[in-house]
């Protein structure tokens, strides 16, 4: 081979190598990882929230992932496009966030805060089949707290025997007073003249509502045993009854037993 041919061959090899390098660079950014965190308004991380992603302004089926137990999520998308992230969780309002994706391998969507609201999606299900519906409680100044079933399991559990439609059963759960302790209540001397005007509503997901006078629940008046239960005869409540049920075992009729309990609110009569 003559010197000129060797030169041309060398240039060809260099150009081929450059093309391969360029191809490798391009292939390295064919997808971008969007990551972020899901929180509530108090800054508490929300596990298992549903995150949907799709190209903005396109009517396509979104990709779906769930946030992990630490409230973080990650989803793969194409670079240099605008995406819509829709975040949904039972017990919270749905949030839509639009993000412009560049060519970097990682895009941090930051913290996405979900305001408390109505149930917005079908209840997510964990690997063990347990549903992640929340129980929301609201105090007298509208202070709010939420429970997942596994949150309630961390509180001291009580076993309660009761008869449900003629059948004896053993329930497990938490006294209502313990469930309400994280919100402001009409307790103490400053409420002595008004405490009898307060009442509690218990609302399930189907819209039915049961009412209790606060005097029924305040131990300084009387102590009616009312429980929020999550198990029956050693097993989690069925989907028709749970994951939370309000139980009043001493009442002869079960009209104030609230299945699929979703919300507890404290009100003052005017």
Protein backbone atom coordinates (compact mmCIF):
# COMPACT_ATOMS: atom_id res chain seq x y z
CA UNK A 1 0.00 0.00 0.00
CA UNK A 2 1.34 3.45 -0.96
CA UNK A 3 1.63 6.26 1.56
CA UNK A 4 -1.42 8.17 0.17
CA UNK A 5 -3.59 5.04 0.54
CA UNK A 6 -2.38 4.57 4.09
CA UNK A 7 -3.31 8.20 4.82
CA UNK A 8 -6.82 7.79 3.39
CA UNK A 9 -7.28 4.52 5.29
CA UNK A 10 -6.12 6.21 8.51
CA UNK A 11 -8.59 9.05 8.03
CA UNK A 12 -11.37 6.53 7.37
CA UNK A 13 -10.54 4.64 10.56
CA UNK A 14 -10.50 7.86 12.59
CA UNK A 15 -13.82 8.98 11.14
CA UNK A 16 -15.34 5.57 11.80
CA UNK A 17 -14.16 5.70 15.39
CA UNK A 18 -15.59 9.20 15.77
CA UNK A 19 -18.93 8.03 14.35
CA UNK A 20 -19.03 5.12 16.79
CA UNK A 21 -18.19 7.45 19.66
CA UNK A 22 -20.95 9.81 18.56
CA UNK A 23 -23.40 6.89 18.39
CA UNK A 24 -22.44 5.82 21.92
CA UNK A 25 -22.94 9.36 23.20
CA UNK A 26 -26.34 9.56 21.54
CA UNK A 27 -27.43 6.19 22.89
CA UNK A 28 -26.46 7.26 26.39
CA UNK A 29 -29.15 9.96 26.39
CA UNK A 30 -32.02 8.19 24.64
CA UNK A 31 -33.82 8.18 27.99
CA UNK A 32 -33.92 10.54 30.94
CA UNK A 33 -34.75 9.54 34.50
CA UNK A 34 -37.26 11.88 36.17
CA UNK A 35 -37.17 11.61 39.95
CA UNK A 36 -38.85 13.42 42.82
CA UNK A 37 -40.64 13.14 46.17
CA UNK A 38 -44.32 13.14 47.15
CA UNK A 39 -45.27 14.93 50.38
CA UNK A 40 -48.36 16.18 52.17
CA UNK A 41 -48.80 19.76 53.38
CA UNK A 42 -47.12 19.00 56.69
CA UNK A 43 -43.96 17.80 54.94
CA UNK A 44 -44.66 14.13 55.63
CA UNK A 45 -43.57 11.79 52.83
CA UNK A 46 -46.41 9.88 51.16
CA UNK A 47 -45.61 6.27 50.20
CA UNK A 48 -47.17 4.45 47.23
CA UNK A 49 -48.62 7.53 45.50
CA UNK A 50 -49.50 6.91 41.85
CA UNK A 51 -47.37 8.87 39.34
CA UNK A 52 -48.46 9.01 35.68
CA UNK A 53 -46.21 10.51 32.97
CA UNK A 54 -46.99 11.37 29.36
CA UNK A 55 -45.81 13.76 26.67
CA UNK A 56 -47.65 17.06 27.09
CA UNK A 57 -50.48 17.83 24.64
CA UNK A 58 -50.52 14.26 23.28
CA UNK A 59 -53.51 11.99 23.81
CA UNK A 60 -51.54 8.87 24.72
CA UNK A 61 -51.73 6.30 27.50
CA UNK A 62 -49.47 7.48 30.33
CA UNK A 63 -46.74 5.39 31.88
CA UNK A 64 -47.51 4.57 35.52
CA UNK A 65 -45.21 4.06 38.52
CA UNK A 66 -45.73 4.14 42.30
CA UNK A 67 -43.68 6.10 44.80
CA UNK A 68 -41.73 3.83 47.14
CA UNK A 69 -42.11 3.57 50.93
CA UNK A 70 -39.98 6.73 51.29
CA UNK A 71 -42.28 8.75 49.01
CA UNK A 72 -39.72 8.92 46.16
CA UNK A 73 -40.41 8.01 42.55
CA UNK A 74 -38.48 7.60 39.30
CA UNK A 75 -39.73 7.23 35.72
CA UNK A 76 -37.95 6.91 32.36
CA UNK A 77 -38.86 9.37 29.57
CA UNK A 78 -37.45 10.64 26.28
CA UNK A 79 -35.07 13.63 26.33
CA UNK A 80 -35.83 17.11 25.01
CA UNK A 81 -39.59 16.92 25.44
CA UNK A 82 -42.23 18.45 27.69
CA UNK A 83 -43.95 15.98 30.02
CA UNK A 84 -47.00 16.04 32.26
CA UNK A 85 -46.72 14.32 35.64
CA UNK A 86 -50.03 13.50 37.31
CA UNK A 87 -49.79 12.47 40.97
CA UNK A 88 -52.74 10.76 42.65
CA UNK A 89 -53.32 9.31 46.09
CA UNK A 90 -56.46 8.28 47.94
CA UNK A 91 -57.44 10.99 50.42
CA UNK A 92 -55.59 13.77 48.52
CA UNK A 93 -56.29 16.08 45.63
CA UNK A 94 -54.73 15.16 42.30
CA UNK A 95 -51.77 17.31 41.21
CA UNK A 96 -50.63 17.92 37.62
CA UNK A 97 -47.07 19.15 37.10
CA UNK A 98 -45.53 19.99 33.70
CA UNK A 99 -41.76 19.62 33.28
CA UNK A 100 -39.40 20.48 30.41
CA UNK A 101 -36.89 17.67 29.93
CA UNK A 102 -33.43 18.43 28.60
CA UNK A 103 -30.71 16.00 27.48
CA UNK A 104 -29.19 15.29 30.88
CA UNK A 105 -29.46 11.74 32.16
CA UNK A 106 -31.28 12.85 35.33
CA UNK A 107 -34.08 15.39 35.84
CA UNK A 108 -35.10 16.28 39.40
CA UNK A 109 -38.78 17.21 39.53
CA UNK A 110 -38.37 18.27 43.17
CA UNK A 111 -40.99 17.92 45.90
CA UNK A 112 -44.61 17.53 44.81
CA UNK A 113 -47.02 18.50 47.60
CA UNK A 114 -50.49 16.94 47.66
CA UNK A 115 -53.22 18.93 49.44
CA UNK A 116 -55.71 16.96 51.52
CA UNK A 117 -58.90 16.32 49.59
CA UNK A 118 -61.43 13.74 48.52
CA UNK A 119 -60.44 10.26 47.41
CA UNK A 120 -59.25 10.80 43.84
CA UNK A 121 -58.39 7.30 42.59
CA UNK A 122 -59.19 3.68 43.18
CA UNK A 123 -57.50 2.55 46.35
CA UNK A 124 -53.92 1.41 45.65
CA UNK A 125 -53.06 -2.12 46.75
CA UNK A 126 -49.80 -3.22 48.36
CA UNK A 127 -47.99 -6.45 47.51
CA UNK A 128 -49.71 -8.23 50.40
CA UNK A 129 -53.12 -7.22 49.09
CA UNK A 130 -53.79 -4.59 51.77
CA UNK A 131 -55.49 -1.43 50.54
CA UNK A 132 -53.98 1.99 51.13
CA UNK A 133 -57.18 3.94 51.69
CA UNK A 134 -56.62 6.62 54.32
CA UNK A 135 -58.67 7.55 57.36
CA UNK A 136 -58.81 11.33 57.68
CA UNK A 137 -59.63 13.02 60.99
CA UNK A 138 -60.38 16.73 61.50
CA UNK A 139 -60.29 18.62 64.79
CA UNK A 140 -62.26 21.62 66.02
CA UNK A 141 -59.97 24.16 64.30
CA UNK A 142 -59.91 22.07 61.10
CA UNK A 143 -56.51 20.65 62.01
CA UNK A 144 -56.16 17.37 60.11
CA UNK A 145 -54.37 14.06 60.47
CA UNK A 146 -54.43 10.96 58.29
CA UNK A 147 -53.89 7.29 58.93
CA UNK A 148 -53.01 4.40 56.69
CA UNK A 149 -53.93 0.97 58.02
CA UNK A 150 -50.31 0.31 58.94
CA UNK A 151 -50.24 3.60 60.91
CA UNK A 152 -53.20 2.50 63.01
CA UNK A 153 -51.47 -0.84 63.63
CA UNK A 154 -48.71 1.04 65.47
CA UNK A 155 -51.16 2.19 68.18
CA UNK A 156 -52.10 0.01 71.17
CA UNK A 157 -54.57 -2.60 69.91
CA UNK A 158 -57.67 -3.84 71.72
CA UNK A 159 -59.68 -7.02 71.16
CA UNK A 160 -63.45 -6.46 71.09
CA UNK A 161 -66.21 -9.07 70.99
CA UNK A 162 -69.44 -8.02 69.32
CA UNK A 163 -72.43 -9.46 67.51
CA UNK A 164 -72.82 -8.43 63.89
CA UNK A 165 -76.19 -9.30 62.31
CA UNK A 166 -76.63 -12.21 64.68
CA UNK A 167 -73.09 -13.57 64.31
CA UNK A 168 -70.54 -13.33 67.13
CA UNK A 169 -67.16 -11.98 66.03
CA UNK A 170 -63.88 -10.86 67.52
CA UNK A 171 -62.56 -7.53 66.25
CA UNK A 172 -59.19 -5.85 66.71
CA UNK A 173 -58.64 -2.13 66.65
CA UNK A 174 -58.00 1.10 68.52
CA UNK A 175 -60.26 3.09 70.88
CA UNK A 176 -61.69 6.11 69.10
CA UNK A 177 -60.19 8.44 71.73
CA UNK A 178 -56.70 7.24 70.76
CA UNK A 179 -57.40 7.73 67.06
CA UNK A 180 -58.50 11.35 67.66
CA UNK A 181 -55.56 12.34 69.86
CA UNK A 182 -53.54 13.92 67.02
CA UNK A 183 -56.04 16.73 66.39
CA UNK A 184 -57.41 19.49 68.62
CA UNK A 185 -60.37 18.38 70.76
CA UNK A 186 -62.93 20.19 72.96
CA UNK A 187 -61.14 19.23 76.18
CA UNK A 188 -60.10 21.26 79.21
CA UNK A 189 -61.56 24.01 81.35
CA UNK A 190 -61.98 26.54 78.56
CA UNK A 191 -64.60 24.26 76.98
CA UNK A 192 -66.60 23.65 80.16
CA UNK A 193 -69.45 25.92 79.06
CA UNK A 194 -69.54 24.77 75.42
CA UNK A 195 -68.42 21.13 75.38
CA UNK A 196 -72.00 19.82 75.17
CA UNK A 197 -72.42 21.60 71.82
CA UNK A 198 -69.77 19.54 70.05
CA UNK A 199 -70.40 16.38 68.03
CA UNK A 200 -68.52 13.94 65.80
CA UNK A 201 -69.54 12.77 62.33
CA UNK A 202 -68.27 9.47 60.96
CA UNK A 203 -68.37 9.26 57.17
CA UNK A 204 -67.69 6.23 54.98
CA UNK A 205 -66.70 6.27 51.32
CA UNK A 206 -70.31 5.82 50.17
CA UNK A 207 -71.50 9.09 51.74
CA UNK A 208 -73.55 7.65 54.66
CA UNK A 209 -73.02 9.55 57.93
CA UNK A 210 -73.31 8.62 61.61
CA UNK A 211 -73.34 11.21 64.42
CA UNK A 212 -72.10 11.03 68.02
CA UNK A 213 -72.51 13.69 70.68
CA UNK A 214 -69.10 14.57 72.07
CA UNK A 215 -70.50 13.90 75.56
CA UNK A 216 -70.83 10.23 74.56
CA UNK A 217 -67.09 10.08 73.91
CA UNK A 218 -65.73 12.40 76.60
CA UNK A 219 -64.87 10.31 79.68
CA UNK A 220 -65.67 13.25 81.98
CA UNK A 221 -69.34 12.85 80.91
CA UNK A 222 -69.56 9.16 80.10
CA UNK A 223 -67.36 6.67 78.34
CA UNK A 224 -69.04 4.86 75.48
CA UNK A 225 -66.66 2.20 74.08
CA UNK A 226 -66.24 3.12 70.42
CA UNK A 227 -63.46 1.62 68.32
CA UNK A 228 -61.88 1.96 64.90
CA UNK A 229 -61.20 -1.66 63.94
CA UNK A 230 -59.12 -3.13 61.11
CA UNK A 231 -59.41 -6.88 61.74
CA UNK A 232 -62.20 -9.41 62.21
CA UNK A 233 -61.54 -12.90 63.54
CA UNK A 234 -57.80 -12.41 63.04
CA UNK A 235 -58.00 -11.29 59.40
CA UNK A 236 -57.99 -7.80 57.79
CA UNK A 237 -61.49 -6.51 57.16
CA UNK A 238 -63.00 -7.36 53.79
CA UNK A 239 -63.15 -4.76 51.03
CA UNK A 240 -66.90 -4.39 51.73
CA UNK A 241 -66.25 -3.51 55.38
CA UNK A 242 -62.74 -2.04 55.56
CA UNK A 243 -59.98 -1.24 55.73
CA UNK A 244 -61.45 0.79 58.65
CA UNK A 245 -64.74 0.23 60.45
CA UNK A 246 -66.26 2.19 63.32
CA UNK A 247 -67.60 -0.20 65.94
CA UNK A 248 -69.98 0.53 68.86
CA UNK A 249 -70.18 -2.88 70.55
CA UNK A 250 -72.54 -1.99 73.43
CA UNK A 251 -75.36 -0.66 71.24
CA UNK A 252 -78.20 -3.11 70.60
CA UNK A 253 -78.52 -1.99 66.97
CA UNK A 254 -75.61 -1.52 64.57
CA UNK A 255 -76.88 1.53 62.66
CA UNK A 256 -73.93 3.57 63.94
CA UNK A 257 -71.37 0.97 62.92
CA UNK A 258 -69.70 2.64 59.94
CA UNK A 259 -68.15 0.33 57.38
CA UNK A 260 -65.49 1.65 54.96
CA UNK A 261 -64.86 4.51 57.38
CA UNK A 262 -63.05 7.34 55.59
CA UNK A 263 -63.50 10.58 57.58
CA UNK A 264 -64.03 11.62 61.21
CA UNK A 265 -64.87 15.29 61.85
CA UNK A 266 -65.51 17.25 65.03
CA UNK A 267 -68.12 20.02 64.73
CA UNK A 268 -69.80 22.54 66.97
CA UNK A 269 -73.56 23.01 66.82
CA UNK A 270 -74.76 26.61 66.39
